[in-house]
Amino acid sequence: MEWSIHQVVEATGITSRTLRHYDQIGLLHPTRRGPGGLRYYDQRALVRLQRILLLRPLGLSLADIAEILNGETRDIEALQTHRARLQAEQERIDRQLQSLDATIAALQKGQPIMPKDMFEGFDHTQYDAEVRERWGNDAADRSNEWWSELGDEGQAAFRQEVEDLNAAWDQVIASGIAPDAAAAQEVAARHVAWLRSAMQSQPMSKAMLKGITQMYVDDERFAANYNRVSPAGPQFVRDAVHYWADDHLPADQE
């Protein structure tokens, strides 16, 4: 028995774009292609997909998952790597809890809050491995250097900018307008400018911009920034930025 890509999407909740990406990188190939290139998956393929979806929440990269499923990495080695990552994440969360406790205590006592203490444990480099996997070491190194050079005040200002931008998205999403409406496109322009600032004005192709915003839909960690007023928020932000890209970036940059 076989299932079409549409049936798999409906059953799993993942997107057809994600399944096509898995095919492109060799992680999960369809069993066969029907008329018009429609992908079909048999039971063996679905079992492999189930294992992929079980491994993804563990924080493993797609390359790591491929090695595990292909038998090139023993399960115990993968689990040891994952444990180390969880330990680092636990330490980061502990620092965040300490910073929150310090802020609460200061507010309760009417004392001034210290920005350095407030933002302890809030690290933009938590996605470092994914940046390196998607866009290379140079991009990750430039980003980390830029972040360090911002200093405490610059990092706090950047986080405030992120919150202001997310609040602007919340407003346009809640208004019920279309992603290509003028107000949504104004926020999309701000969003692109923010992304470019994080990339230190490095060239951003249309394909890269669309790839980044697609992550807002495919990855629940990013989606959490945009689904505060509606579950459809991540899709709205992606579509709005894609409309902006089509209107403002030349096709030869794709």
C-alpha atoms as a PDB file:
ATOM      1  CA  MET A   1       0.000   0.000   0.000  1.00  0.00           C
ATOM      2  CA  GLU A   2       1.156   3.503  -0.797  1.00  0.00           C
ATOM      3  CA  TRP A   3       0.165   6.994   0.263  1.00  0.00           C
ATOM      4  CA  SER A   4       0.481  10.204  -1.737  1.00  0.00           C
ATOM      5  CA  ILE A   5       2.474  13.154  -0.418  1.00  0.00           C
ATOM      6  CA  HIS A   6      -0.841  14.932   0.239  1.00  0.00           C
ATOM      7  CA  GLN A   7      -2.037  12.060   2.426  1.00  0.00           C
ATOM      8  CA  VAL A   8       1.269  12.010   4.311  1.00  0.00           C
ATOM      9  CA  VAL A   9       1.076  15.768   4.912  1.00  0.00           C
ATOM     10  CA  GLU A  10      -2.470  15.424   6.219  1.00  0.00           C
ATOM     11  CA  ALA A  11      -1.553  12.518   8.503  1.00  0.00           C
ATOM     12  CA  THR A  12       1.660  13.980   9.948  1.00  0.00           C
ATOM     13  CA  GLY A  13       1.093  17.740   9.914  1.00  0.00           C
ATOM     14  CA  ILE A  14       4.483  18.424   8.332  1.00  0.00           C
ATOM     15  CA  THR A  15       4.612  20.401   5.114  1.00  0.00           C
ATOM     16  CA  SER A  16       5.109  19.130   1.589  1.00  0.00           C
ATOM     17  CA  ARG A  17       8.073  21.512   1.364  1.00  0.00           C
ATOM     18  CA  THR A  18       9.703  19.680   4.275  1.00  0.00           C
ATOM     19  CA  LEU A  19       9.173  16.311   2.606  1.00  0.00           C
ATOM     20  CA  ARG A  20      10.679  17.638  -0.612  1.00  0.00           C
ATOM     21  CA  HIS A  21      13.647  18.965   1.373  1.00  0.00           C
ATOM     22  CA  TYR A  22      14.128  15.554   2.995  1.00  0.00           C
ATOM     23  CA  ASP A  23      14.149  14.049  -0.496  1.00  0.00           C
ATOM     24  CA  GLN A  24      16.693  16.586  -1.801  1.00  0.00           C
ATOM     25  CA  ILE A  25      19.175  15.918   1.003  1.00  0.00           C
ATOM     26  CA  GLY A  26      18.745  12.159   0.819  1.00  0.00           C
ATOM     27  CA  LEU A  27      17.101  11.770   4.204  1.00  0.00           C
ATOM     28  CA  LEU A  28      13.798  10.372   2.948  1.00  0.00           C
ATOM     29  CA  HIS A  29      13.145   9.481  -0.661  1.00  0.00           C
ATOM     30  CA  PRO A  30       9.628   8.779  -1.927  1.00  0.00           C
ATOM     31  CA  THR A  31       9.001   5.179  -2.926  1.00  0.00           C
ATOM     32  CA  ARG A  32       8.067   6.272  -6.435  1.00  0.00           C
ATOM     33  CA  ARG A  33       6.785   9.178  -8.457  1.00  0.00           C
ATOM     34  CA  GLY A  34       3.473   9.105 -10.245  1.00  0.00           C
ATOM     35  CA  PRO A  35       2.073  11.231 -13.073  1.00  0.00           C
ATOM     36  CA  GLY A  36       3.142  14.849 -12.818  1.00  0.00           C
ATOM     37  CA  GLY A  37       5.943  13.928 -10.413  1.00  0.00           C
ATOM     38  CA  LEU A  38       3.546  13.264  -7.522  1.00  0.00           C
ATOM     39  CA  ARG A  39       5.414  11.547  -4.703  1.00  0.00           C
ATOM     40  CA  TYR A  40       4.183   8.311  -3.144  1.00  0.00           C
ATOM     41  CA  TYR A  41       5.402   6.644   0.051  1.00  0.00           C
ATOM     42  CA  ASP A  42       5.053   3.011   1.082  1.00  0.00           C
ATOM     43  CA  GLN A  43       4.964   1.550   4.584  1.00  0.00           C
ATOM     44  CA  ARG A  44       8.759   1.284   4.848  1.00  0.00           C
ATOM     45  CA  ALA A  45       9.125   4.968   3.947  1.00  0.00           C
ATOM     46  CA  LEU A  46       6.519   5.962   6.518  1.00  0.00           C
ATOM     47  CA  VAL A  47       8.323   3.996   9.231  1.00  0.00           C
ATOM     48  CA  ARG A  48      11.518   5.896   8.369  1.00  0.00           C
ATOM     49  CA  LEU A  49       9.577   9.179   8.490  1.00  0.00           C
ATOM     50  CA  GLN A  50       8.211   8.257  11.906  1.00  0.00           C
ATOM     51  CA  ARG A  51      11.758   7.694  13.182  1.00  0.00           C
ATOM     52  CA  ILE A  52      12.834  11.049  11.746  1.00  0.00           C
ATOM     53  CA  LEU A  53       9.999  12.831  13.518  1.00  0.00           C
ATOM     54  CA  LEU A  54      10.848  11.053  16.769  1.00  0.00           C
ATOM     55  CA  LEU A  55      14.495  12.101  16.532  1.00  0.00           C
ATOM     56  CA  ARG A  56      13.936  15.729  15.513  1.00  0.00           C
ATOM     57  CA  PRO A  57      12.778  16.919  18.985  1.00  0.00           C
ATOM     58  CA  LEU A  58      16.015  15.555  20.447  1.00  0.00           C
ATOM     59  CA  GLY A  59      17.911  18.456  18.901  1.00  0.00           C
ATOM     60  CA  LEU A  60      19.831  16.307  16.434  1.00  0.00           C
ATOM     61  CA  SER A  61      20.722  17.802  13.059  1.00  0.00           C
ATOM     62  CA  LEU A  62      19.292  16.249   9.905  1.00  0.00           C
ATOM     63  CA  ALA A  63      22.787  14.983   9.072  1.00  0.00           C
ATOM     64  CA  ASP A  64      22.996  13.262  12.470  1.00  0.00           C
ATOM     65  CA  ILE A  65      19.566  11.723  11.961  1.00  0.00           C
ATOM     66  CA  ALA A  66      20.579  10.437   8.536  1.00  0.00           C
ATOM     67  CA  GLU A  67      23.687   8.795  10.007  1.00  0.00           C
ATOM     68  CA  ILE A  68      21.651   7.155  12.753  1.00  0.00           C
ATOM     69  CA  LEU A  69      19.020   5.828  10.364  1.00  0.00           C
ATOM     70  CA  ASN A  70      21.664   4.638   7.911  1.00  0.00           C
ATOM     71  CA  GLY A  71      23.497   2.776  10.661  1.00  0.00           C
ATOM     72  CA  GLU A  72      26.673   4.885  10.459  1.00  0.00           C
ATOM     73  CA  THR A  73      26.329   6.076  14.057  1.00  0.00           C
ATOM     74  CA  ARG A  74      25.453   3.808  16.954  1.00  0.00           C
ATOM     75  CA  ASP A  75      22.425   4.767  18.989  1.00  0.00           C
ATOM     76  CA  ILE A  76      24.493   5.085  22.162  1.00  0.00           C
ATOM     77  CA  GLU A  77      26.858   7.589  20.515  1.00  0.00           C
ATOM     78  CA  ALA A  78      23.922   9.664  19.299  1.00  0.00           C
ATOM     79  CA  LEU A  79      22.368   9.576  22.754  1.00  0.00           C
ATOM     80  CA  GLN A  80      25.627  10.655  24.376  1.00  0.00           C
ATOM     81  CA  THR A  81      25.852  13.609  21.995  1.00  0.00           C
ATOM     82  CA  HIS A  82      22.260  14.510  22.744  1.00  0.00           C
ATOM     83  CA  ARG A  83      22.877  14.266  26.482  1.00  0.00           C
ATOM     84  CA  ALA A  84      25.722  16.763  26.194  1.00  0.00           C
ATOM     85  CA  ARG A  85      23.456  19.146  24.325  1.00  0.00           C
ATOM     86  CA  LEU A  86      20.717  18.759  26.917  1.00  0.00           C
ATOM     87  CA  GLN A  87      23.217  19.433  29.685  1.00  0.00           C
ATOM     88  CA  ALA A  88      24.297  22.659  27.988  1.00  0.00           C
ATOM     89  CA  GLU A  89      20.656  23.642  27.491  1.00  0.00           C
ATOM     90  CA  GLN A  90      19.876  22.895  31.151  1.00  0.00           C
ATOM     91  CA  GLU A  91      22.742  25.139  32.242  1.00  0.00           C
ATOM     92  CA  ARG A  92      21.462  27.923  29.986  1.00  0.00           C
ATOM     93  CA  ILE A  93      17.940  27.588  31.409  1.00  0.00           C
ATOM     94  CA  ASP A  94      19.355  27.663  34.943  1.00  0.00           C
ATOM     95  CA  ARG A  95      21.076  30.971  34.127  1.00  0.00           C
ATOM     96  CA  GLN A  96      17.820  32.327  32.739  1.00  0.00           C
ATOM     97  CA  LEU A  97      15.977  31.335  35.918  1.00  0.00           C
ATOM     98  CA  GLN A  98      18.609  33.084  38.000  1.00  0.00           C
ATOM     99  CA  SER A  99      18.258  36.237  35.912  1.00  0.00           C
ATOM    100  CA  LEU A 100      14.465  36.158  36.298  1.00  0.00           C
ATOM    101  CA  ASP A 101      14.745  35.662  40.053  1.00  0.00           C
ATOM    102  CA  ALA A 102      17.129  38.629  40.255  1.00  0.00           C
ATOM    103  CA  THR A 103      14.719  40.820  38.279  1.00  0.00           C
ATOM    104  CA  ILE A 104      11.711  39.777  40.385  1.00  0.00           C
ATOM    105  CA  ALA A 105      13.624  40.397  43.612  1.00  0.00           C
ATOM    106  CA  ALA A 106      14.768  43.834  42.451  1.00  0.00           C
ATOM    107  CA  LEU A 107      11.245  44.856  41.424  1.00  0.00           C
ATOM    108  CA  GLN A 108       9.749  43.618  44.680  1.00  0.00           C
ATOM    109  CA  LYS A 109      12.316  45.610  46.711  1.00  0.00           C
ATOM    110  CA  GLY A 110      12.039  48.700  44.517  1.00  0.00           C
ATOM    111  CA  GLN A 111      15.682  48.408  43.542  1.00  0.00           C
ATOM    112  CA  PRO A 112      17.092  49.270  40.094  1.00  0.00           C
ATOM    113  CA  ILE A 113      17.423  46.369  37.697  1.00  0.00           C
ATOM    114  CA  MET A 114      20.755  45.594  36.091  1.00  0.00           C
ATOM    115  CA  PRO A 115      20.627  44.828  32.351  1.00  0.00           C
ATOM    116  CA  LYS A 116      23.622  42.512  32.558  1.00  0.00           C
ATOM    117  CA  ASP A 117      21.831  40.402  35.181  1.00  0.00           C
ATOM    118  CA  MET A 118      18.474  40.537  33.377  1.00  0.00           C
ATOM    119  CA  PHE A 119      19.751  38.944  30.192  1.00  0.00           C
ATOM    120  CA  GLU A 120      22.064  36.299  31.607  1.00  0.00           C
ATOM    121  CA  GLY A 121      21.503  33.046  29.709  1.00  0.00           C
ATOM    122  CA  PHE A 122      19.710  34.640  26.742  1.00  0.00           C
ATOM    123  CA  ASP A 123      22.111  33.672  23.961  1.00  0.00           C
ATOM    124  CA  HIS A 124      21.476  34.238  20.269  1.00  0.00           C
ATOM    125  CA  THR A 125      24.066  31.535  19.447  1.00  0.00           C
ATOM    126  CA  GLN A 126      21.703  28.738  20.509  1.00  0.00           C
ATOM    127  CA  TYR A 127      21.057  28.060  16.802  1.00  0.00           C
ATOM    128  CA  ASP A 128      24.764  28.107  15.923  1.00  0.00           C
ATOM    129  CA  ALA A 129      24.880  24.502  14.714  1.00  0.00           C
ATOM    130  CA  GLU A 130      21.902  25.012  12.420  1.00  0.00           C
ATOM    131  CA  VAL A 131      23.358  28.205  10.971  1.00  0.00           C
ATOM    132  CA  ARG A 132      26.568  26.360  10.172  1.00  0.00           C
ATOM    133  CA  GLU A 133      24.648  23.478   8.607  1.00  0.00           C
ATOM    134  CA  ARG A 134      22.453  25.701   6.439  1.00  0.00           C
ATOM    135  CA  TRP A 135      24.708  28.625   5.519  1.00  0.00           C
ATOM    136  CA  GLY A 136      28.265  27.629   6.402  1.00  0.00           C
ATOM    137  CA  ASN A 137      30.895  28.400   9.022  1.00  0.00           C
ATOM    138  CA  ASP A 138      31.693  31.869   7.688  1.00  0.00           C
ATOM    139  CA  ALA A 139      28.111  33.054   8.233  1.00  0.00           C
ATOM    140  CA  ALA A 140      28.049  31.619  11.751  1.00  0.00           C
ATOM    141  CA  ASP A 141      31.426  33.100  12.666  1.00  0.00           C
ATOM    142  CA  ARG A 142      30.435  36.558  11.378  1.00  0.00           C
ATOM    143  CA  SER A 143      27.203  36.408  13.357  1.00  0.00           C
ATOM    144  CA  ASN A 144      28.941  35.378  16.576  1.00  0.00           C
ATOM    145  CA  GLU A 145      31.596  38.074  16.195  1.00  0.00           C
ATOM    146  CA  TRP A 146      28.936  40.716  15.527  1.00  0.00           C
ATOM    147  CA  TRP A 147      26.966  39.616  18.605  1.00  0.00           C
ATOM    148  CA  SER A 148      29.998  39.774  20.858  1.00  0.00           C
ATOM    149  CA  GLU A 149      30.964  43.211  19.575  1.00  0.00           C
ATOM    150  CA  LEU A 150      27.510  44.598  20.417  1.00  0.00           C
ATOM    151  CA  GLY A 151      28.276  44.451  24.120  1.00  0.00           C
ATOM    152  CA  ASP A 152      25.685  44.343  26.892  1.00  0.00           C
ATOM    153  CA  GLU A 153      23.861  47.526  25.871  1.00  0.00           C
ATOM    154  CA  GLY A 154      23.825  46.645  22.191  1.00  0.00           C
ATOM    155  CA  GLN A 155      22.518  43.146  22.874  1.00  0.00           C
ATOM    156  CA  ALA A 156      19.769  44.519  25.098  1.00  0.00           C
ATOM    157  CA  ALA A 157      18.806  47.037  22.391  1.00  0.00           C
ATOM    158  CA  PHE A 158      18.716  44.267  19.803  1.00  0.00           C
ATOM    159  CA  ARG A 159      16.425  42.159  21.966  1.00  0.00           C
ATOM    160  CA  GLN A 160      14.135  45.143  22.450  1.00  0.00           C
ATOM    161  CA  GLU A 161      14.043  45.608  18.696  1.00  0.00           C
ATOM    162  CA  VAL A 162      13.030  41.979  18.299  1.00  0.00           C
ATOM    163  CA  GLU A 163      10.205  42.404  20.814  1.00  0.00           C
ATOM    164  CA  ASP A 164       9.009  45.594  19.107  1.00  0.00           C
ATOM    165  CA  LEU A 165       9.043  43.842  15.750  1.00  0.00           C
ATOM    166  CA  ASN A 166       7.134  40.827  17.099  1.00  0.00           C
ATOM    167  CA  ALA A 167       4.560  43.184  18.642  1.00  0.00           C
ATOM    168  CA  ALA A 168       4.111  44.858  15.256  1.00  0.00           C
ATOM    169  CA  TRP A 169       3.528  41.448  13.678  1.00  0.00           C
ATOM    170  CA  ASP A 170       0.989  40.624  16.401  1.00  0.00           C
ATOM    171  CA  GLN A 171      -0.912  43.794  15.546  1.00  0.00           C
ATOM    172  CA  VAL A 172      -1.168  43.173  11.812  1.00  0.00           C
ATOM    173  CA  ILE A 173      -1.943  39.479  12.300  1.00  0.00           C
ATOM    174  CA  ALA A 174      -4.759  40.311  14.741  1.00  0.00           C
ATOM    175  CA  SER A 175      -6.180  42.941  12.353  1.00  0.00           C
ATOM    176  CA  GLY A 176      -7.197  40.296   9.832  1.00  0.00           C
ATOM    177  CA  ILE A 177      -5.545  41.976   6.842  1.00  0.00           C
ATOM    178  CA  ALA A 178      -3.899  40.019   4.047  1.00  0.00           C
ATOM    179  CA  PRO A 179      -0.135  39.384   4.060  1.00  0.00           C
ATOM    180  CA  ASP A 180       0.293  41.561   0.963  1.00  0.00           C
ATOM    181  CA  ALA A 181      -1.618  44.517   2.448  1.00  0.00           C
ATOM    182  CA  ALA A 182       0.295  47.765   2.843  1.00  0.00           C
ATOM    183  CA  ALA A 183       0.468  47.617   6.651  1.00  0.00           C
ATOM    184  CA  ALA A 184       1.782  44.038   6.574  1.00  0.00           C
ATOM    185  CA  GLN A 185       4.337  44.956   3.927  1.00  0.00           C
ATOM    186  CA  GLU A 186       5.622  47.811   6.087  1.00  0.00           C
ATOM    187  CA  VAL A 187       6.320  45.354   8.896  1.00  0.00           C
ATOM    188  CA  ALA A 188       7.838  42.927   6.387  1.00  0.00           C
ATOM    189  CA  ALA A 189      10.260  45.663   5.290  1.00  0.00           C
ATOM    190  CA  ARG A 190      11.227  46.236   8.942  1.00  0.00           C
ATOM    191  CA  HIS A 191      11.702  42.498   9.354  1.00  0.00           C
ATOM    192  CA  VAL A 192      14.036  42.266   6.372  1.00  0.00           C
ATOM    193  CA  ALA A 193      16.024  45.266   7.633  1.00  0.00           C
ATOM    194  CA  TRP A 194      16.344  43.523  11.013  1.00  0.00           C
ATOM    195  CA  LEU A 195      17.573  40.311   9.382  1.00  0.00           C
ATOM    196  CA  ARG A 196      20.101  42.270   7.357  1.00  0.00           C
ATOM    197  CA  SER A 197      21.375  44.006  10.492  1.00  0.00           C
ATOM    198  CA  ALA A 198      21.975  40.612  12.075  1.00  0.00           C
ATOM    199  CA  MET A 199      23.884  39.597   8.959  1.00  0.00           C
ATOM    200  CA  GLN A 200      25.927  42.808   9.087  1.00  0.00           C
ATOM    201  CA  SER A 201      24.518  43.864   5.708  1.00  0.00           C
ATOM    202  CA  GLN A 202      25.925  40.784   3.979  1.00  0.00           C
ATOM    203  CA  PRO A 203      24.193  40.056   0.657  1.00  0.00           C
ATOM    204  CA  MET A 204      20.863  38.320   1.180  1.00  0.00           C
ATOM    205  CA  SER A 205      19.445  36.517  -1.826  1.00  0.00           C
ATOM    206  CA  LYS A 206      15.761  35.998  -2.347  1.00  0.00           C
ATOM    207  CA  ALA A 207      16.244  32.261  -1.846  1.00  0.00           C
ATOM    208  CA  MET A 208      18.007  32.811   1.487  1.00  0.00           C
ATOM    209  CA  LEU A 209      15.338  35.229   2.710  1.00  0.00           C
ATOM    210  CA  LYS A 210      12.558  32.832   1.775  1.00  0.00           C
ATOM    211  CA  GLY A 211      14.436  29.933   3.332  1.00  0.00           C
ATOM    212  CA  ILE A 212      14.831  31.760   6.637  1.00  0.00           C
ATOM    213  CA  THR A 213      11.156  32.702   6.862  1.00  0.00           C
ATOM    214  CA  GLN A 214      10.076  29.199   5.873  1.00  0.00           C
ATOM    215  CA  MET A 215      11.758  28.076   9.100  1.00  0.00           C
ATOM    216  CA  TYR A 216       9.178  30.156  10.985  1.00  0.00           C
ATOM    217  CA  VAL A 217       6.579  27.637   9.789  1.00  0.00           C
ATOM    218  CA  ASP A 218       8.617  24.437   9.831  1.00  0.00           C
ATOM    219  CA  ASP A 219      10.330  24.876  13.208  1.00  0.00           C
ATOM    220  CA  GLU A 220       8.173  25.287  16.314  1.00  0.00           C
ATOM    221  CA  ARG A 221      10.948  27.186  18.105  1.00  0.00           C
ATOM    222  CA  PHE A 222      10.720  29.977  15.550  1.00  0.00           C
ATOM    223  CA  ALA A 223       6.946  29.659  15.188  1.00  0.00           C
ATOM    224  CA  ALA A 224       6.545  30.473  18.889  1.00  0.00           C
ATOM    225  CA  ASN A 225       7.578  34.067  18.128  1.00  0.00           C
ATOM    226  CA  TYR A 226       4.684  34.592  15.724  1.00  0.00           C
ATOM    227  CA  ASN A 227       1.742  32.477  16.948  1.00  0.00           C
ATOM    228  CA  ARG A 228       0.979  34.565  20.027  1.00  0.00           C
ATOM    229  CA  VAL A 229      -2.297  35.952  18.631  1.00  0.00           C
ATOM    230  CA  SER A 230      -3.129  33.289  16.041  1.00  0.00           C
ATOM    231  CA  PRO A 231      -1.928  29.762  15.185  1.00  0.00           C
ATOM    232  CA  ALA A 232      -1.673  31.012  11.590  1.00  0.00           C
ATOM    233  CA  GLY A 233       0.772  33.759  12.582  1.00  0.00           C
ATOM    234  CA  PRO A 234       3.950  32.007  11.366  1.00  0.00           C
ATOM    235  CA  GLN A 235       2.391  31.409   7.940  1.00  0.00           C
ATOM    236  CA  PHE A 236       1.272  35.045   7.799  1.00  0.00           C
ATOM    237  CA  VAL A 237       4.796  36.329   8.517  1.00  0.00           C
ATOM    238  CA  ARG A 238       6.323  33.947   5.984  1.00  0.00           C
ATOM    239  CA  ASP A 239       3.848  34.920   3.283  1.00  0.00           C
ATOM    240  CA  ALA A 240       4.224  38.650   3.972  1.00  0.00           C
ATOM    241  CA  VAL A 241       8.011  38.496   3.705  1.00  0.00           C
ATOM    242  CA  HIS A 242       7.784  36.330   0.591  1.00  0.00           C
ATOM    243  CA  TYR A 243       5.525  38.937  -1.028  1.00  0.00           C
ATOM    244  CA  TRP A 244       8.045  41.625  -0.069  1.00  0.00           C
ATOM    245  CA  ALA A 245      10.904  39.593  -1.532  1.00  0.00           C
ATOM    246  CA  ASP A 246       9.077  39.070  -4.821  1.00  0.00           C
ATOM    247  CA  ASP A 247       8.428  42.797  -5.097  1.00  0.00           C
ATOM    248  CA  HIS A 248      11.831  44.109  -4.020  1.00  0.00           C
ATOM    249  CA  LEU A 249      14.524  41.541  -4.788  1.00  0.00           C
ATOM    250  CA  PRO A 250      15.525  40.903  -8.395  1.00  0.00           C
ATOM    251  CA  ALA A 251      15.005  37.436  -9.779  1.00  0.00           C
ATOM    252  CA  ASP A 252      18.698  37.017 -10.587  1.00  0.00           C
ATOM    253  CA  GLN A 253      19.433  36.886  -6.833  1.00  0.00           C
ATOM    254  CA  GLU A 254      17.492  33.707  -6.356  1.00  0.00           C
END
